Amino acid sequence: MALKFLYITQDPFTNESDEFVRILAIRNYPLFPPNGGANSGGNLYDQNGNEVGYFWLITSGLNTEATAYPYTFSAGWSADQIIIIPPGWSFRSFGVAIAVQGTLEEVLRVH
């Protein structure tokens, strides 16, 4: 099978397919506060509703108004973690997400 790209806007999202879904990026609402940085997170639940994991994305930055420097500095990073949603499991409290869907071997190969 070929990997499928998913743009997930339904929160909570339940993987109702027979394939695996790997979360690549998320964004919570509201988007970014005035200070130029934000945290986004989402929670993974098994088929029985037990929370079993989370995904946390951090972005931060400084802008010229806040720092008084003649340039803008920004940086972004995410926690080094992989969230894979098996069939029947759900992902909640995330806003929107970008993901890929396929066999377990296919989604594990995505870097």
N, C-alpha and C. Protein backbone atom coordinates (compact mmCIF):
# COMPACT_ATOMS: atom_id res chain seq x y z
N MET A 1 0.83 -1.18 0.00
CA MET A 1 0.00 0.00 0.00
C MET A 1 0.87 1.25 0.00
N ALA A 2 0.32 2.32 -0.48
CA ALA A 2 1.04 3.59 -0.48
C ALA A 2 0.62 4.44 0.71
N LEU A 3 1.56 5.24 1.22
CA LEU A 3 1.25 6.17 2.29
C LEU A 3 0.21 7.17 1.84
N LYS A 4 -0.66 7.55 2.75
CA LYS A 4 -1.66 8.59 2.49
C LYS A 4 -1.36 9.77 3.40
N PHE A 5 -1.54 10.97 2.89
CA PHE A 5 -1.39 12.19 3.66
C PHE A 5 -2.75 12.52 4.27
N LEU A 6 -2.76 12.89 5.56
CA LEU A 6 -4.00 13.26 6.23
C LEU A 6 -3.86 14.66 6.82
N TYR A 7 -4.89 15.46 6.63
CA TYR A 7 -5.03 16.74 7.30
C TYR A 7 -6.25 16.58 8.20
N ILE A 8 -6.01 16.42 9.50
CA ILE A 8 -7.06 16.06 10.44
C ILE A 8 -7.59 17.30 11.14
N THR A 9 -8.88 17.57 10.95
CA THR A 9 -9.50 18.73 11.59
C THR A 9 -10.56 18.31 12.62
N GLN A 10 -10.86 17.03 12.69
CA GLN A 10 -11.85 16.55 13.64
C GLN A 10 -11.17 16.15 14.93
N ASP A 11 -11.51 16.82 16.01
CA ASP A 11 -10.93 16.55 17.32
C ASP A 11 -12.06 16.23 18.28
N PRO A 12 -12.14 15.03 18.82
CA PRO A 12 -11.15 13.96 18.76
C PRO A 12 -11.18 13.22 17.43
N PHE A 13 -10.03 12.62 17.11
CA PHE A 13 -9.89 11.81 15.90
C PHE A 13 -9.76 10.35 16.34
N THR A 14 -10.60 9.48 15.77
CA THR A 14 -10.49 8.04 16.01
C THR A 14 -10.07 7.37 14.73
N ASN A 15 -9.03 6.56 14.81
CA ASN A 15 -8.55 5.84 13.63
C ASN A 15 -9.50 4.68 13.36
N GLU A 16 -10.39 4.89 12.42
CA GLU A 16 -11.39 3.88 12.07
C GLU A 16 -10.95 3.02 10.89
N SER A 17 -9.73 3.17 10.45
CA SER A 17 -9.20 2.38 9.34
C SER A 17 -8.51 1.13 9.88
N ASP A 18 -8.04 0.29 8.97
CA ASP A 18 -7.26 -0.88 9.39
C ASP A 18 -5.76 -0.62 9.24
N GLU A 19 -5.40 0.66 9.03
CA GLU A 19 -4.00 1.06 8.90
C GLU A 19 -3.59 1.87 10.13
N PHE A 20 -2.31 2.23 10.19
CA PHE A 20 -1.78 3.03 11.28
C PHE A 20 -1.67 4.48 10.83
N VAL A 21 -1.83 5.41 11.77
CA VAL A 21 -1.72 6.84 11.49
C VAL A 21 -0.59 7.39 12.35
N ARG A 22 0.33 8.12 11.71
CA ARG A 22 1.44 8.74 12.44
C ARG A 22 1.27 10.25 12.41
N ILE A 23 1.22 10.86 13.57
CA ILE A 23 1.09 12.31 13.69
C ILE A 23 2.46 12.94 13.44
N LEU A 24 2.49 13.91 12.53
CA LEU A 24 3.74 14.60 12.22
C LEU A 24 3.79 15.99 12.85
N ALA A 25 2.66 16.68 12.90
CA ALA A 25 2.62 18.03 13.46
C ALA A 25 1.20 18.34 13.90
N ILE A 26 1.09 19.19 14.90
CA ILE A 26 -0.22 19.60 15.40
C ILE A 26 -0.23 21.09 15.67
N ARG A 27 -1.42 21.63 15.76
CA ARG A 27 -1.57 23.02 16.18
C ARG A 27 -2.85 23.12 17.00
N ASN A 28 -2.73 23.72 18.17
CA ASN A 28 -3.88 23.96 19.02
C ASN A 28 -4.42 25.35 18.75
N TYR A 29 -5.57 25.62 19.28
CA TYR A 29 -6.18 26.96 19.20
C TYR A 29 -6.24 27.52 20.59
N PRO A 30 -6.05 28.82 20.84
CA PRO A 30 -5.70 29.81 19.83
C PRO A 30 -4.29 29.58 19.28
N LEU A 31 -4.01 30.16 18.14
CA LEU A 31 -2.76 29.83 17.45
C LEU A 31 -1.53 30.32 18.19
N PHE A 32 -1.20 31.59 18.10
CA PHE A 32 0.01 32.10 18.75
C PHE A 32 -0.32 33.29 19.64
N PRO A 33 0.19 33.31 20.84
CA PRO A 33 -0.01 34.47 21.71
C PRO A 33 0.86 35.64 21.25
N PRO A 34 0.61 36.82 21.77
CA PRO A 34 1.38 38.00 21.34
C PRO A 34 2.89 37.90 21.56
N ASN A 35 3.37 37.06 22.48
CA ASN A 35 4.81 37.00 22.74
C ASN A 35 5.56 36.22 21.67
N GLY A 36 4.87 35.65 20.69
CA GLY A 36 5.55 34.98 19.59
C GLY A 36 5.84 33.52 19.80
N GLY A 37 5.37 32.91 20.87
CA GLY A 37 5.62 31.50 21.10
C GLY A 37 4.34 30.77 21.47
N ALA A 38 4.34 29.46 21.33
CA ALA A 38 3.15 28.69 21.67
C ALA A 38 3.52 27.25 21.96
N ASN A 39 2.72 26.60 22.73
CA ASN A 39 2.84 25.17 22.96
C ASN A 39 1.61 24.50 22.39
N SER A 40 1.79 23.36 21.76
CA SER A 40 0.67 22.57 21.27
C SER A 40 0.81 21.16 21.79
N GLY A 41 -0.29 20.55 22.10
CA GLY A 41 -0.24 19.20 22.61
C GLY A 41 -1.45 18.40 22.19
N GLY A 42 -1.33 17.10 22.27
CA GLY A 42 -2.42 16.19 21.99
C GLY A 42 -2.22 14.92 22.78
N ASN A 43 -3.30 14.19 23.05
CA ASN A 43 -3.24 13.00 23.87
C ASN A 43 -3.70 11.78 23.09
N LEU A 44 -3.01 10.66 23.30
CA LEU A 44 -3.33 9.40 22.65
C LEU A 44 -4.07 8.49 23.62
N TYR A 45 -5.17 7.89 23.14
CA TYR A 45 -5.99 7.00 23.97
C TYR A 45 -6.15 5.66 23.27
N ASP A 46 -6.10 4.58 24.06
CA ASP A 46 -6.31 3.25 23.49
C ASP A 46 -7.80 3.01 23.25
N GLN A 47 -8.14 1.84 22.75
CA GLN A 47 -9.52 1.54 22.40
C GLN A 47 -10.44 1.47 23.62
N ASN A 48 -9.88 1.40 24.83
CA ASN A 48 -10.68 1.39 26.05
C ASN A 48 -10.80 2.76 26.70
N GLY A 49 -10.23 3.80 26.07
CA GLY A 49 -10.30 5.15 26.60
C GLY A 49 -9.23 5.50 27.59
N ASN A 50 -8.21 4.66 27.73
CA ASN A 50 -7.10 4.95 28.64
C ASN A 50 -6.07 5.84 27.95
N GLU A 51 -5.65 6.91 28.61
CA GLU A 51 -4.60 7.76 28.05
C GLU A 51 -3.28 7.02 28.10
N VAL A 52 -2.62 6.90 26.95
CA VAL A 52 -1.39 6.12 26.89
C VAL A 52 -0.19 6.90 26.35
N GLY A 53 -0.40 8.13 25.91
CA GLY A 53 0.72 8.91 25.39
C GLY A 53 0.28 10.32 25.04
N TYR A 54 1.26 11.13 24.65
CA TYR A 54 0.98 12.51 24.26
C TYR A 54 1.99 12.96 23.21
N PHE A 55 1.64 14.00 22.52
CA PHE A 55 2.53 14.64 21.55
C PHE A 55 2.60 16.10 21.94
N TRP A 56 3.80 16.63 22.02
CA TRP A 56 3.98 18.00 22.46
C TRP A 56 4.88 18.72 21.48
N LEU A 57 4.38 19.79 20.90
CA LEU A 57 5.13 20.60 19.96
C LEU A 57 5.32 21.98 20.55
N ILE A 58 6.56 22.44 20.59
CA ILE A 58 6.87 23.75 21.15
C ILE A 58 7.43 24.63 20.04
N THR A 59 6.92 25.81 19.94
CA THR A 59 7.54 26.80 19.06
C THR A 59 7.72 28.07 19.87
N SER A 60 8.78 28.76 19.63
CA SER A 60 8.99 30.00 20.35
C SER A 60 9.74 30.97 19.45
N GLY A 61 9.64 32.22 19.78
CA GLY A 61 10.35 33.20 18.99
C GLY A 61 10.36 34.54 19.69
N LEU A 62 11.22 35.37 19.27
CA LEU A 62 11.29 36.74 19.75
C LEU A 62 11.11 37.65 18.55
N ASN A 63 10.37 38.71 18.73
CA ASN A 63 10.24 39.64 17.61
C ASN A 63 10.89 40.96 17.96
N THR A 64 11.04 41.81 16.98
CA THR A 64 11.77 43.06 17.20
C THR A 64 11.06 43.97 18.18
N GLU A 65 9.74 43.93 18.26
CA GLU A 65 9.03 44.77 19.21
C GLU A 65 9.31 44.33 20.64
N ALA A 66 9.43 43.03 20.86
CA ALA A 66 9.63 42.52 22.22
C ALA A 66 11.10 42.61 22.66
N THR A 67 12.04 42.55 21.73
CA THR A 67 13.45 42.48 22.10
C THR A 67 14.22 43.77 21.86
N ALA A 68 13.70 44.65 21.04
CA ALA A 68 14.37 45.91 20.67
C ALA A 68 15.64 45.69 19.86
N TYR A 69 15.87 44.47 19.37
CA TYR A 69 17.01 44.21 18.50
C TYR A 69 16.64 44.60 17.08
N PRO A 70 17.62 44.90 16.24
CA PRO A 70 17.32 45.31 14.87
C PRO A 70 17.03 44.12 13.94
N TYR A 71 16.82 42.96 14.48
CA TYR A 71 16.51 41.79 13.67
C TYR A 71 15.50 40.92 14.42
N THR A 72 14.94 39.99 13.73
CA THR A 72 13.99 39.09 14.34
C THR A 72 14.64 37.73 14.51
N PHE A 73 14.53 37.18 15.70
CA PHE A 73 15.06 35.86 15.99
C PHE A 73 13.89 34.93 16.28
N SER A 74 13.92 33.76 15.69
CA SER A 74 12.88 32.80 16.03
C SER A 74 13.46 31.40 15.97
N ALA A 75 12.88 30.51 16.70
CA ALA A 75 13.32 29.13 16.71
C ALA A 75 12.11 28.24 16.93
N GLY A 76 12.19 27.04 16.42
CA GLY A 76 11.10 26.10 16.64
C GLY A 76 11.67 24.72 16.87
N TRP A 77 11.02 23.94 17.68
CA TRP A 77 11.47 22.58 17.91
C TRP A 77 10.29 21.77 18.42
N SER A 78 10.44 20.48 18.45
CA SER A 78 9.41 19.63 19.02
C SER A 78 10.07 18.55 19.86
N ALA A 79 9.31 18.01 20.79
CA ALA A 79 9.83 16.92 21.59
C ALA A 79 10.12 15.73 20.67
N ASP A 80 11.14 14.98 21.00
CA ASP A 80 11.54 13.83 20.19
C ASP A 80 10.67 12.64 20.55
N GLN A 81 9.51 12.58 19.95
CA GLN A 81 8.60 11.50 20.24
C GLN A 81 7.81 11.15 18.98
N ILE A 82 7.34 9.93 18.94
CA ILE A 82 6.57 9.47 17.80
C ILE A 82 5.20 9.05 18.32
N ILE A 83 4.16 9.58 17.71
CA ILE A 83 2.81 9.16 18.05
C ILE A 83 2.24 8.40 16.86
N ILE A 84 1.96 7.14 17.07
CA ILE A 84 1.32 6.30 16.06
C ILE A 84 -0.02 5.86 16.63
N ILE A 85 -1.07 6.07 15.85
CA ILE A 85 -2.41 5.73 16.29
C ILE A 85 -2.82 4.41 15.64
N PRO A 86 -2.84 3.33 16.40
CA PRO A 86 -3.28 2.04 15.85
C PRO A 86 -4.78 2.07 15.53
N PRO A 87 -5.25 1.11 14.75
CA PRO A 87 -6.69 1.03 14.47
C PRO A 87 -7.49 0.96 15.78
N GLY A 88 -8.56 1.76 15.86
CA GLY A 88 -9.42 1.77 17.03
C GLY A 88 -8.99 2.73 18.13
N TRP A 89 -7.78 3.27 18.07
CA TRP A 89 -7.31 4.22 19.07
C TRP A 89 -7.69 5.63 18.65
N SER A 90 -7.58 6.60 19.58
CA SER A 90 -7.96 7.98 19.26
C SER A 90 -6.89 8.96 19.73
N PHE A 91 -6.94 10.15 19.12
CA PHE A 91 -6.04 11.25 19.44
C PHE A 91 -6.94 12.45 19.73
N ARG A 92 -6.73 13.11 20.87
CA ARG A 92 -7.64 14.16 21.33
C ARG A 92 -6.90 15.41 21.80
N SER A 93 -7.64 16.51 21.81
CA SER A 93 -7.19 17.80 22.38
C SER A 93 -6.03 18.40 21.60
N PHE A 94 -6.14 18.43 20.28
CA PHE A 94 -5.02 18.90 19.47
C PHE A 94 -5.36 20.00 18.49
N GLY A 95 -6.57 20.27 18.18
CA GLY A 95 -6.93 21.30 17.20
C GLY A 95 -6.91 20.77 15.78
N VAL A 96 -5.78 20.88 15.09
CA VAL A 96 -5.60 20.31 13.75
C VAL A 96 -4.28 19.55 13.73
N ALA A 97 -4.19 18.57 12.82
CA ALA A 97 -2.97 17.75 12.75
C ALA A 97 -2.65 17.41 11.30
N ILE A 98 -1.37 17.21 11.05
CA ILE A 98 -0.89 16.67 9.78
C ILE A 98 -0.35 15.28 10.11
N ALA A 99 -0.73 14.30 9.29
CA ALA A 99 -0.34 12.92 9.58
C ALA A 99 -0.18 12.14 8.29
N VAL A 100 0.38 10.95 8.42
CA VAL A 100 0.44 9.99 7.31
C VAL A 100 -0.23 8.71 7.78
N GLN A 101 -0.79 7.97 6.82
CA GLN A 101 -1.50 6.74 7.12
C GLN A 101 -1.00 5.64 6.21
N GLY A 102 -0.76 4.46 6.78
CA GLY A 102 -0.30 3.31 6.01
C GLY A 102 -0.03 2.13 6.92
N THR A 103 0.73 1.17 6.43
CA THR A 103 1.11 0.04 7.27
C THR A 103 2.06 0.53 8.36
N LEU A 104 2.26 -0.25 9.38
CA LEU A 104 3.16 0.14 10.46
C LEU A 104 4.57 0.37 9.91
N GLU A 105 5.04 -0.47 9.03
CA GLU A 105 6.38 -0.31 8.45
C GLU A 105 6.48 0.98 7.66
N GLU A 106 5.44 1.34 6.91
CA GLU A 106 5.47 2.56 6.10
C GLU A 106 5.52 3.81 6.98
N VAL A 107 4.68 3.88 8.01
CA VAL A 107 4.66 5.09 8.83
C VAL A 107 5.91 5.22 9.69
N LEU A 108 6.55 4.11 10.02
CA LEU A 108 7.80 4.18 10.79
C LEU A 108 8.97 4.68 9.95
N ARG A 109 8.90 4.55 8.63
CA ARG A 109 9.98 5.01 7.75
C ARG A 109 9.98 6.51 7.53
N VAL A 110 8.91 7.20 7.88
CA VAL A 110 8.81 8.65 7.66
C VAL A 110 9.71 9.35 8.66
N HIS A 111 10.54 10.26 8.14
CA HIS A 111 11.46 11.02 9.02
C HIS A 111 11.03 12.45 9.11
